[in-house]
PDB file of N, CA and C in Angstrom:
ATOM      1  N   UNK A   1     -27.676 -13.790  24.435  1.00  0.00           N
ATOM      2  CA  UNK A   1     -28.121 -14.997  23.125  1.00  0.00           C
ATOM      3  C   UNK A   1     -26.633 -15.278  22.685  1.00  0.00           C
ATOM      4  N   UNK A   2     -26.670 -16.704  22.365  1.00  0.00           N
ATOM      5  CA  UNK A   2     -25.252 -17.213  21.948  1.00  0.00           C
ATOM      6  C   UNK A   2     -25.201 -17.064  20.633  1.00  0.00           C
ATOM      7  N   UNK A   3     -24.008 -16.740  19.911  1.00  0.00           N
ATOM      8  CA  UNK A   3     -23.793 -16.775  18.660  1.00  0.00           C
ATOM      9  C   UNK A   3     -23.612 -18.187  17.978  1.00  0.00           C
ATOM     10  N   UNK A   4     -23.932 -18.279  16.902  1.00  0.00           N
ATOM     11  CA  UNK A   4     -23.926 -19.341  16.168  1.00  0.00           C
ATOM     12  C   UNK A   4     -22.736 -19.556  15.466  1.00  0.00           C
ATOM     13  N   UNK A   5     -21.698 -20.681  15.802  1.00  0.00           N
ATOM     14  CA  UNK A   5     -20.141 -20.484  15.128  1.00  0.00           C
ATOM     15  C   UNK A   5     -20.222 -21.713  14.441  1.00  0.00           C
ATOM     16  N   UNK A   6     -21.387 -22.451  13.968  1.00  0.00           N
ATOM     17  CA  UNK A   6     -21.252 -23.344  13.204  1.00  0.00           C
ATOM     18  C   UNK A   6     -21.079 -23.162  11.746  1.00  0.00           C
ATOM     19  N   UNK A   7     -21.136 -22.158  11.295  1.00  0.00           N
ATOM     20  CA  UNK A   7     -20.980 -21.775   9.787  1.00  0.00           C
ATOM     21  C   UNK A   7     -19.625 -20.985   9.839  1.00  0.00           C
ATOM     22  N   UNK A   8     -18.988 -21.367   8.649  1.00  0.00           N
ATOM     23  CA  UNK A   8     -17.678 -20.688   8.207  1.00  0.00           C
ATOM     24  C   UNK A   8     -17.988 -19.282   7.965  1.00  0.00           C
ATOM     25  N   UNK A   9     -16.765 -18.595   8.131  1.00  0.00           N
ATOM     26  CA  UNK A   9     -16.825 -17.103   7.796  1.00  0.00           C
ATOM     27  C   UNK A   9     -17.376 -16.849   6.409  1.00  0.00           C
ATOM     28  N   UNK A  10     -17.025 -17.474   5.176  1.00  0.00           N
ATOM     29  CA  UNK A  10     -17.725 -17.116   4.050  1.00  0.00           C
ATOM     30  C   UNK A  10     -19.064 -17.251   3.935  1.00  0.00           C
ATOM     31  N   UNK A  11     -19.638 -18.157   4.683  1.00  0.00           N
ATOM     32  CA  UNK A  11     -21.164 -18.669   4.574  1.00  0.00           C
ATOM     33  C   UNK A  11     -21.795 -17.295   5.386  1.00  0.00           C
ATOM     34  N   UNK A  12     -21.289 -17.070   6.540  1.00  0.00           N
ATOM     35  CA  UNK A  12     -21.936 -16.072   7.204  1.00  0.00           C
ATOM     36  C   UNK A  12     -21.931 -14.724   6.635  1.00  0.00           C
ATOM     37  N   UNK A  13     -20.846 -14.551   5.925  1.00  0.00           N
ATOM     38  CA  UNK A  13     -20.705 -13.152   4.964  1.00  0.00           C
ATOM     39  C   UNK A  13     -21.413 -13.170   3.823  1.00  0.00           C
ATOM     40  N   UNK A  14     -21.373 -14.082   3.188  1.00  0.00           N
ATOM     41  CA  UNK A  14     -22.445 -14.298   1.984  1.00  0.00           C
ATOM     42  C   UNK A  14     -21.358 -14.251   0.666  1.00  0.00           C
ATOM     43  N   UNK A  15     -21.632 -13.849  -0.500  1.00  0.00           N
ATOM     44  CA  UNK A  15     -21.191 -13.779  -1.678  1.00  0.00           C
ATOM     45  C   UNK A  15     -19.871 -12.857  -1.629  1.00  0.00           C
ATOM     46  N   UNK A  16     -18.641 -13.146  -1.167  1.00  0.00           N
ATOM     47  CA  UNK A  16     -17.701 -12.175  -0.632  1.00  0.00           C
ATOM     48  C   UNK A  16     -17.294 -11.186  -1.816  1.00  0.00           C
ATOM     49  N   UNK A  17     -17.239 -11.693  -3.193  1.00  0.00           N
ATOM     50  CA  UNK A  17     -16.898 -10.846  -4.422  1.00  0.00           C
ATOM     51  C   UNK A  17     -18.017 -10.095  -4.744  1.00  0.00           C
ATOM     52  N   UNK A  18     -19.047  -9.948  -4.230  1.00  0.00           N
ATOM     53  CA  UNK A  18     -20.123  -9.253  -4.834  1.00  0.00           C
ATOM     54  C   UNK A  18     -19.925  -7.845  -5.058  1.00  0.00           C
ATOM     55  N   UNK A  19     -19.062  -7.135  -4.071  1.00  0.00           N
ATOM     56  CA  UNK A  19     -18.868  -5.520  -4.012  1.00  0.00           C
ATOM     57  C   UNK A  19     -17.388  -5.439  -4.480  1.00  0.00           C
ATOM     58  N   UNK A  20     -16.638  -6.418  -4.875  1.00  0.00           N
ATOM     59  CA  UNK A  20     -15.242  -6.301  -5.168  1.00  0.00           C
ATOM     60  C   UNK A  20     -15.101  -5.835  -6.587  1.00  0.00           C
ATOM     61  N   UNK A  21     -14.375  -4.869  -6.779  1.00  0.00           N
ATOM     62  CA  UNK A  21     -13.813  -4.480  -8.072  1.00  0.00           C
ATOM     63  C   UNK A  21     -12.690  -4.101  -7.807  1.00  0.00           C
ATOM     64  N   UNK A  22     -11.658  -4.029  -9.292  1.00  0.00           N
ATOM     65  CA  UNK A  22     -10.422  -3.514  -9.374  1.00  0.00           C
ATOM     66  C   UNK A  22     -10.205  -2.948 -10.718  1.00  0.00           C
ATOM     67  N   UNK A  23      -9.784  -1.721 -10.581  1.00  0.00           N
ATOM     68  CA  UNK A  23      -9.519  -0.766 -11.947  1.00  0.00           C
ATOM     69  C   UNK A  23      -7.786  -0.993 -12.195  1.00  0.00           C
ATOM     70  N   UNK A  24      -7.519  -1.833 -13.207  1.00  0.00           N
ATOM     71  CA  UNK A  24      -6.047  -2.108 -13.418  1.00  0.00           C
ATOM     72  C   UNK A  24      -5.542  -0.722 -14.291  1.00  0.00           C
ATOM     73  N   UNK A  25      -4.634   0.033 -13.994  1.00  0.00           N
ATOM     74  CA  UNK A  25      -4.086   1.058 -14.629  1.00  0.00           C
ATOM     75  C   UNK A  25      -2.639   0.750 -14.616  1.00  0.00           C
ATOM     76  N   UNK A  26      -1.932   1.129 -15.612  1.00  0.00           N
ATOM     77  CA  UNK A  26      -0.381   1.447 -15.837  1.00  0.00           C
ATOM     78  C   UNK A  26       0.024   2.426 -15.101  1.00  0.00           C
ATOM     79  N   UNK A  27       0.807   2.394 -14.178  1.00  0.00           N
ATOM     80  CA  UNK A  27       1.649   3.451 -13.629  1.00  0.00           C
ATOM     81  C   UNK A  27       2.801   3.826 -14.488  1.00  0.00           C
ATOM     82  N   UNK A  28       3.032   5.129 -14.273  1.00  0.00           N
ATOM     83  CA  UNK A  28       4.367   5.870 -15.196  1.00  0.00           C
ATOM     84  C   UNK A  28       5.827   5.212 -14.168  1.00  0.00           C
ATOM     85  N   UNK A  29       5.405   5.074 -13.179  1.00  0.00           N
ATOM     86  CA  UNK A  29       6.738   4.565 -12.335  1.00  0.00           C
ATOM     87  C   UNK A  29       6.027   3.556 -10.950  1.00  0.00           C
ATOM     88  N   UNK A  30       6.761   2.575 -11.099  1.00  0.00           N
ATOM     89  CA  UNK A  30       6.672   1.411  -9.974  1.00  0.00           C
ATOM     90  C   UNK A  30       7.767   1.118  -9.343  1.00  0.00           C
ATOM     91  N   UNK A  31       8.048   1.699  -7.863  1.00  0.00           N
ATOM     92  CA  UNK A  31       9.013   1.129  -7.384  1.00  0.00           C
ATOM     93  C   UNK A  31       9.313  -0.198  -7.238  1.00  0.00           C
ATOM     94  N   UNK A  32      10.480  -0.748  -6.658  1.00  0.00           N
ATOM     95  CA  UNK A  32      10.796  -2.343  -6.454  1.00  0.00           C
ATOM     96  C   UNK A  32       9.925  -2.476  -5.724  1.00  0.00           C
ATOM     97  N   UNK A  33       9.914  -4.007  -5.710  1.00  0.00           N
ATOM     98  CA  UNK A  33       9.214  -4.583  -4.445  1.00  0.00           C
ATOM     99  C   UNK A  33      10.011  -4.657  -3.291  1.00  0.00           C
ATOM    100  N   UNK A  34       9.514  -4.204  -2.036  1.00  0.00           N
ATOM    101  CA  UNK A  34      10.209  -4.684  -0.838  1.00  0.00           C
ATOM    102  C   UNK A  34      10.384  -3.369  -0.418  1.00  0.00           C
ATOM    103  N   UNK A  35      11.155  -3.328   0.884  1.00  0.00           N
ATOM    104  CA  UNK A  35      11.374  -1.705   1.573  1.00  0.00           C
ATOM    105  C   UNK A  35      13.247  -1.898   1.990  1.00  0.00           C
ATOM    106  N   UNK A  36      13.707  -0.809   1.642  1.00  0.00           N
ATOM    107  CA  UNK A  36      15.069  -0.778   1.888  1.00  0.00           C
ATOM    108  C   UNK A  36      15.520   0.815   1.904  1.00  0.00           C
ATOM    109  N   UNK A  37      16.709   1.064   2.426  1.00  0.00           N
ATOM    110  CA  UNK A  37      17.221   2.447   2.288  1.00  0.00           C
ATOM    111  C   UNK A  37      16.955   2.925   0.934  1.00  0.00           C
ATOM    112  N   UNK A  38      17.597   1.778  -0.104  1.00  0.00           N
ATOM    113  CA  UNK A  38      17.676   2.393  -1.503  1.00  0.00           C
ATOM    114  C   UNK A  38      16.268   2.707  -2.154  1.00  0.00           C
ATOM    115  N   UNK A  39      15.338   1.817  -1.734  1.00  0.00           N
ATOM    116  CA  UNK A  39      13.988   2.130  -2.222  1.00  0.00           C
ATOM    117  C   UNK A  39      13.263   3.189  -1.443  1.00  0.00           C
ATOM    118  N   UNK A  40      13.634   3.340  -0.327  1.00  0.00           N
ATOM    119  CA  UNK A  40      12.960   4.815   0.330  1.00  0.00           C
ATOM    120  C   UNK A  40      13.428   6.097  -0.396  1.00  0.00           C
ATOM    121  N   UNK A  41      15.099   5.982  -0.734  1.00  0.00           N
ATOM    122  CA  UNK A  41      15.728   7.197  -1.451  1.00  0.00           C
ATOM    123  C   UNK A  41      15.075   7.288  -2.872  1.00  0.00           C
ATOM    124  N   UNK A  42      14.875   6.040  -3.229  1.00  0.00           N
ATOM    125  CA  UNK A  42      14.383   6.236  -4.908  1.00  0.00           C
ATOM    126  C   UNK A  42      12.943   6.694  -5.069  1.00  0.00           C
ATOM    127  N   UNK A  43      11.928   6.614  -3.943  1.00  0.00           N
ATOM    128  CA  UNK A  43      10.724   7.088  -3.880  1.00  0.00           C
ATOM    129  C   UNK A  43      10.687   8.600  -3.490  1.00  0.00           C
ATOM    130  N   UNK A  44      11.691   8.933  -2.372  1.00  0.00           N
ATOM    131  CA  UNK A  44      11.793  10.037  -2.291  1.00  0.00           C
ATOM    132  C   UNK A  44      12.213  10.907  -3.599  1.00  0.00           C
ATOM    133  N   UNK A  45      12.914  10.356  -4.264  1.00  0.00           N
ATOM    134  CA  UNK A  45      13.428  11.351  -5.438  1.00  0.00           C
ATOM    135  C   UNK A  45      12.567  11.371  -6.515  1.00  0.00           C
ATOM    136  N   UNK A  46      11.812  10.271  -6.620  1.00  0.00           N
ATOM    137  CA  UNK A  46      10.751  10.279  -7.636  1.00  0.00           C
ATOM    138  C   UNK A  46       9.638  11.238  -7.296  1.00  0.00           C
ATOM    139  N   UNK A  47       9.330  11.401  -6.091  1.00  0.00           N
ATOM    140  CA  UNK A  47       8.289  12.356  -5.612  1.00  0.00           C
ATOM    141  C   UNK A  47       9.078  13.766  -5.639  1.00  0.00           C
ATOM    142  N   UNK A  48      10.163  13.927  -5.934  1.00  0.00           N
ATOM    143  CA  UNK A  48      10.947  15.280  -6.204  1.00  0.00           C
ATOM    144  C   UNK A  48      10.953  16.115  -4.685  1.00  0.00           C
ATOM    145  N   UNK A  49      10.988  15.284  -3.571  1.00  0.00           N
ATOM    146  CA  UNK A  49      11.112  15.987  -2.353  1.00  0.00           C
ATOM    147  C   UNK A  49      12.498  16.301  -2.070  1.00  0.00           C
ATOM    148  N   UNK A  50      12.874  17.364  -1.204  1.00  0.00           N
ATOM    149  CA  UNK A  50      13.739  17.895  -0.896  1.00  0.00           C
ATOM    150  C   UNK A  50      14.821  16.947   0.065  1.00  0.00           C
ATOM    151  N   UNK A  51      16.170  17.262   0.258  1.00  0.00           N
ATOM    152  CA  UNK A  51      16.868  16.255   1.091  1.00  0.00           C
ATOM    153  C   UNK A  51      16.334  16.184   2.468  1.00  0.00           C
ATOM    154  N   UNK A  52      16.120  17.190   3.014  1.00  0.00           N
ATOM    155  CA  UNK A  52      15.829  17.017   4.548  1.00  0.00           C
ATOM    156  C   UNK A  52      14.724  15.873   4.463  1.00  0.00           C
ATOM    157  N   UNK A  53      13.648  15.855   3.715  1.00  0.00           N
ATOM    158  CA  UNK A  53      12.479  14.895   3.712  1.00  0.00           C
ATOM    159  C   UNK A  53      13.102  13.371   3.375  1.00  0.00           C
ATOM    160  N   UNK A  54      13.867  13.505   2.606  1.00  0.00           N
ATOM    161  CA  UNK A  54      14.474  11.953   2.109  1.00  0.00           C
ATOM    162  C   UNK A  54      15.397  11.450   3.464  1.00  0.00           C
ATOM    163  N   UNK A  55      16.064  12.470   3.971  1.00  0.00           N
ATOM    164  CA  UNK A  55      16.845  12.113   5.260  1.00  0.00           C
ATOM    165  C   UNK A  55      15.711  11.672   6.350  1.00  0.00           C
ATOM    166  N   UNK A  56      14.580  12.344   6.580  1.00  0.00           N
ATOM    167  CA  UNK A  56      13.722  12.018   7.593  1.00  0.00           C
ATOM    168  C   UNK A  56      13.076  10.576   7.404  1.00  0.00           C
ATOM    169  N   UNK A  57      12.817  10.420   6.127  1.00  0.00           N
ATOM    170  CA  UNK A  57      12.380   9.287   5.762  1.00  0.00           C
ATOM    171  C   UNK A  57      13.189   7.969   5.943  1.00  0.00           C
ATOM    172  N   UNK A  58      14.377   8.393   5.527  1.00  0.00           N
ATOM    173  CA  UNK A  58      15.533   7.437   5.953  1.00  0.00           C
ATOM    174  C   UNK A  58      15.666   6.983   7.446  1.00  0.00           C
ATOM    175  N   UNK A  59      15.662   8.106   8.230  1.00  0.00           N
ATOM    176  CA  UNK A  59      15.720   7.900   9.689  1.00  0.00           C
ATOM    177  C   UNK A  59      14.395   7.272  10.230  1.00  0.00           C
ATOM    178  N   UNK A  60      13.409   7.584   9.621  1.00  0.00           N
ATOM    179  CA  UNK A  60      12.060   6.570  10.079  1.00  0.00           C
ATOM    180  C   UNK A  60      12.116   5.180   9.796  1.00  0.00           C
ATOM    181  N   UNK A  61      12.886   4.958   8.534  1.00  0.00           N
ATOM    182  CA  UNK A  61      13.033   3.311   8.126  1.00  0.00           C
ATOM    183  C   UNK A  61      13.937   2.704   9.217  1.00  0.00           C
ATOM    184  N   UNK A  62      15.121   3.418   9.412  1.00  0.00           N
ATOM    185  CA  UNK A  62      15.644   2.958  10.596  1.00  0.00           C
ATOM    186  C   UNK A  62      15.051   2.669  11.729  1.00  0.00           C
ATOM    187  N   UNK A  63      14.401   3.433  12.108  1.00  0.00           N
ATOM    188  CA  UNK A  63      13.467   3.070  13.339  1.00  0.00           C
ATOM    189  C   UNK A  63      12.771   2.015  13.456  1.00  0.00           C
ATOM    190  N   UNK A  64      11.807   1.924  12.082  1.00  0.00           N
ATOM    191  CA  UNK A  64      10.992   1.124  11.955  1.00  0.00           C
ATOM    192  C   UNK A  64      11.837  -0.150  11.839  1.00  0.00           C
ATOM    193  N   UNK A  65      12.699  -0.430  11.246  1.00  0.00           N
ATOM    194  CA  UNK A  65      13.718  -1.700  11.196  1.00  0.00           C
ATOM    195  C   UNK A  65      14.073  -2.129  12.579  1.00  0.00           C
ATOM    196  N   UNK A  66      14.247  -1.022  13.617  1.00  0.00           N
ATOM    197  CA  UNK A  66      14.885  -1.484  14.938  1.00  0.00           C
ATOM    198  C   UNK A  66      13.592  -1.998  15.831  1.00  0.00           C
ATOM    199  N   UNK A  67      12.413  -1.815  15.300  1.00  0.00           N
ATOM    200  CA  UNK A  67      11.188  -2.087  16.246  1.00  0.00           C
ATOM    201  C   UNK A  67      11.012  -3.754  16.061  1.00  0.00           C
ATOM    202  N   UNK A  68      10.917  -4.434  17.209  1.00  0.00           N
ATOM    203  CA  UNK A  68      10.132  -5.918  16.786  1.00  0.00           C
ATOM    204  C   UNK A  68       8.806  -5.744  16.437  1.00  0.00           C
ATOM    205  N   UNK A  69       8.286  -6.823  15.785  1.00  0.00           N
ATOM    206  CA  UNK A  69       6.864  -6.837  15.647  1.00  0.00           C
ATOM    207  C   UNK A  69       6.253  -7.373  16.784  1.00  0.00           C
ATOM    208  N   UNK A  70       5.025  -6.714  17.183  1.00  0.00           N
ATOM    209  CA  UNK A  70       4.165  -6.995  18.301  1.00  0.00           C
ATOM    210  C   UNK A  70       3.980  -8.285  18.379  1.00  0.00           C
ATOM    211  N   UNK A  71       4.007  -8.769  19.940  1.00  0.00           N
ATOM    212  CA  UNK A  71       3.626 -10.300  19.997  1.00  0.00           C
ATOM    213  C   UNK A  71       2.293 -10.444  20.558  1.00  0.00           C
ATOM    214  N   UNK A  72       1.368  -9.150  20.602  1.00  0.00           N
ATOM    215  CA  UNK A  72       0.158  -9.155  20.857  1.00  0.00           C
ATOM    216  C   UNK A  72      -0.942  -9.311  19.494  1.00  0.00           C
ATOM    217  N   UNK A  73      -1.950  -9.579  19.851  1.00  0.00           N
ATOM    218  CA  UNK A  73      -3.039  -9.317  18.846  1.00  0.00           C
ATOM    219  C   UNK A  73      -3.130 -10.610  18.000  1.00  0.00           C
ATOM    220  N   UNK A  74      -3.463 -10.403  16.756  1.00  0.00           N
ATOM    221  CA  UNK A  74      -3.600 -11.451  15.886  1.00  0.00           C
ATOM    222  C   UNK A  74      -2.344 -11.942  15.084  1.00  0.00           C
ATOM    223  N   UNK A  75      -2.053 -12.920  14.603  1.00  0.00           N
ATOM    224  CA  UNK A  75      -0.981 -13.366  13.851  1.00  0.00           C
ATOM    225  C   UNK A  75      -0.777 -12.491  12.396  1.00  0.00           C
ATOM    226  N   UNK A  76       0.306 -11.902  12.743  1.00  0.00           N
ATOM    227  CA  UNK A  76       0.738 -10.914  11.452  1.00  0.00           C
ATOM    228  C   UNK A  76       1.745 -11.370  10.642  1.00  0.00           C
ATOM    229  N   UNK A  77       1.468 -12.412   9.963  1.00  0.00           N
ATOM    230  CA  UNK A  77       2.731 -12.884   8.996  1.00  0.00           C
ATOM    231  C   UNK A  77       3.188 -11.845   7.902  1.00  0.00           C
ATOM    232  N   UNK A  78       3.458 -10.708   8.197  1.00  0.00           N
ATOM    233  CA  UNK A  78       3.632 -10.030   6.967  1.00  0.00           C
ATOM    234  C   UNK A  78       4.924 -10.263   6.317  1.00  0.00           C
ATOM    235  N   UNK A  79       5.145 -10.268   5.005  1.00  0.00           N
ATOM    236  CA  UNK A  79       6.372 -10.203   4.364  1.00  0.00           C
ATOM    237  C   UNK A  79       6.423  -8.607   3.808  1.00  0.00           C
ATOM    238  N   UNK A  80       7.309  -8.095   4.327  1.00  0.00           N
ATOM    239  CA  UNK A  80       7.477  -6.601   4.203  1.00  0.00           C
ATOM    240  C   UNK A  80       8.103  -6.272   2.659  1.00  0.00           C
ATOM    241  N   UNK A  81       9.035  -7.310   2.420  1.00  0.00           N
ATOM    242  CA  UNK A  81       9.618  -7.466   0.990  1.00  0.00           C
ATOM    243  C   UNK A  81       8.708  -7.975  -0.104  1.00  0.00           C
ATOM    244  N   UNK A  82       7.518  -8.066   0.026  1.00  0.00           N
ATOM    245  CA  UNK A  82       6.610  -8.685  -0.877  1.00  0.00           C
ATOM    246  C   UNK A  82       5.376  -7.629  -1.031  1.00  0.00           C
ATOM    247  N   UNK A  83       5.606  -6.465  -0.749  1.00  0.00           N
ATOM    248  CA  UNK A  83       4.725  -5.322  -0.977  1.00  0.00           C
ATOM    249  C   UNK A  83       5.528  -4.097  -2.026  1.00  0.00           C
ATOM    250  N   UNK A  84       4.635  -3.868  -2.876  1.00  0.00           N
ATOM    251  CA  UNK A  84       4.939  -2.495  -3.533  1.00  0.00           C
ATOM    252  C   UNK A  84       4.611  -1.091  -2.804  1.00  0.00           C
ATOM    253  N   UNK A  85       5.551  -0.602  -2.361  1.00  0.00           N
ATOM    254  CA  UNK A  85       5.264   0.651  -1.530  1.00  0.00           C
ATOM    255  C   UNK A  85       4.821   1.995  -2.480  1.00  0.00           C
ATOM    256  N   UNK A  86       5.076   1.811  -3.670  1.00  0.00           N
ATOM    257  CA  UNK A  86       4.905   3.259  -4.485  1.00  0.00           C
ATOM    258  C   UNK A  86       4.531   3.017  -5.706  1.00  0.00           C
ATOM    259  N   UNK A  87       3.457   3.619  -6.274  1.00  0.00           N
ATOM    260  CA  UNK A  87       3.139   3.633  -7.774  1.00  0.00           C
ATOM    261  C   UNK A  87       2.715   4.977  -8.154  1.00  0.00           C
ATOM    262  N   UNK A  88       3.465   5.363  -8.923  1.00  0.00           N
ATOM    263  CA  UNK A  88       2.898   6.645  -9.364  1.00  0.00           C
ATOM    264  C   UNK A  88       2.109   6.298 -10.733  1.00  0.00           C
ATOM    265  N   UNK A  89       0.680   6.867 -10.530  1.00  0.00           N
ATOM    266  CA  UNK A  89      -0.209   6.496 -11.399  1.00  0.00           C
ATOM    267  C   UNK A  89      -0.119   7.528 -12.790  1.00  0.00           C
ATOM    268  N   UNK A  90       0.094   8.502 -12.701  1.00  0.00           N
ATOM    269  CA  UNK A  90       0.221   9.451 -13.739  1.00  0.00           C
ATOM    270  C   UNK A  90       1.178  10.581 -13.599  1.00  0.00           C
ATOM    271  N   UNK A  91       1.554  11.120 -15.048  1.00  0.00           N
ATOM    272  CA  UNK A  91       2.481  12.088 -14.967  1.00  0.00           C
ATOM    273  C   UNK A  91       2.131  13.534 -14.384  1.00  0.00           C
ATOM    274  N   UNK A  92       0.805  13.660 -14.102  1.00  0.00           N
ATOM    275  CA  UNK A  92       0.418  14.665 -13.712  1.00  0.00           C
ATOM    276  C   UNK A  92      -0.980  14.600 -12.817  1.00  0.00           C
ATOM    277  N   UNK A  93      -1.206  15.334 -11.944  1.00  0.00           N
ATOM    278  CA  UNK A  93      -2.541  15.187 -11.473  1.00  0.00           C
ATOM    279  C   UNK A  93      -3.694  16.074 -12.031  1.00  0.00           C
ATOM    280  N   UNK A  94      -4.959  15.232 -12.036  1.00  0.00           N
ATOM    281  CA  UNK A  94      -5.996  16.279 -12.702  1.00  0.00           C
ATOM    282  C   UNK A  94      -6.345  17.389 -11.864  1.00  0.00           C
ATOM    283  N   UNK A  95      -7.001  18.247 -12.350  1.00  0.00           N
ATOM    284  CA  UNK A  95      -7.772  19.244 -11.720  1.00  0.00           C
ATOM    285  C   UNK A  95      -9.013  19.347 -11.941  1.00  0.00           C
ATOM    286  N   UNK A  96      -9.697  18.666 -13.070  1.00  0.00           N
ATOM    287  CA  UNK A  96     -11.284  18.434 -12.993  1.00  0.00           C
ATOM    288  C   UNK A  96     -11.458  16.975 -13.289  1.00  0.00           C
ATOM    289  N   UNK A  97     -13.102  16.958 -13.213  1.00  0.00           N
ATOM    290  CA  UNK A  97     -13.533  15.896 -13.714  1.00  0.00           C
ATOM    291  C   UNK A  97     -13.111  15.255 -14.937  1.00  0.00           C
ATOM    292  N   UNK A  98     -12.957  16.236 -15.870  1.00  0.00           N
ATOM    293  CA  UNK A  98     -12.926  16.090 -17.384  1.00  0.00           C
ATOM    294  C   UNK A  98     -11.071  15.121 -17.416  1.00  0.00           C
ATOM    295  N   UNK A  99     -10.657  15.418 -16.524  1.00  0.00           N
ATOM    296  CA  UNK A  99      -9.123  15.034 -16.487  1.00  0.00           C
ATOM    297  C   UNK A  99      -9.056  13.552 -15.858  1.00  0.00           C
ATOM    298  N   UNK A 100     -10.049  13.031 -15.382  1.00  0.00           N
ATOM    299  CA  UNK A 100     -10.002  11.796 -14.592  1.00  0.00           C
ATOM    300  C   UNK A 100     -10.302  10.636 -16.020  1.00  0.00           C
ATOM    301  N   UNK A 101      -9.439   9.598 -16.034  1.00  0.00           N
ATOM    302  CA  UNK A 101      -9.586   8.687 -17.187  1.00  0.00           C
ATOM    303  C   UNK A 101     -10.876   8.081 -17.085  1.00  0.00           C
ATOM    304  N   UNK A 102     -11.149   7.831 -18.344  1.00  0.00           N
ATOM    305  CA  UNK A 102     -12.435   7.024 -18.401  1.00  0.00           C
ATOM    306  C   UNK A 102     -12.792   5.803 -17.789  1.00  0.00           C
ATOM    307  N   UNK A 103     -11.755   4.778 -17.453  1.00  0.00           N
ATOM    308  CA  UNK A 103     -11.834   3.617 -17.090  1.00  0.00           C
ATOM    309  C   UNK A 103     -12.128   3.653 -15.589  1.00  0.00           C
ATOM    310  N   UNK A 104     -11.887   5.080 -14.850  1.00  0.00           N
ATOM    311  CA  UNK A 104     -11.619   5.187 -13.626  1.00  0.00           C
ATOM    312  C   UNK A 104     -13.021   5.746 -12.953  1.00  0.00           C
ATOM    313  N   UNK A 105     -13.706   6.674 -14.030  1.00  0.00           N
ATOM    314  CA  UNK A 105     -15.074   7.379 -13.818  1.00  0.00           C
ATOM    315  C   UNK A 105     -16.216   6.382 -13.567  1.00  0.00           C
TER     316      UNK A 105
END
């Protein structure tokens, strides 16, 4: 059976935003946009990680930077400098349902 390709994707999917929702919350810490050794170290420090973990992350970042983007598959026009890589949402982690903020429940 042939697939009808005369409809555009949104028409095939239907109401695209029907199940889309967002909860806007203010974080206590938001790293700078983009990725660099400075930001990797800043995130590690904010998370209270030991030095060996920061060094591991920095080495991993170096490896990531040395790799070319894949040439196969779909077009991945990603701008890695236009992404926030870390947002700390709260000062502490809740342990019970009562600790979850009302706007998230």
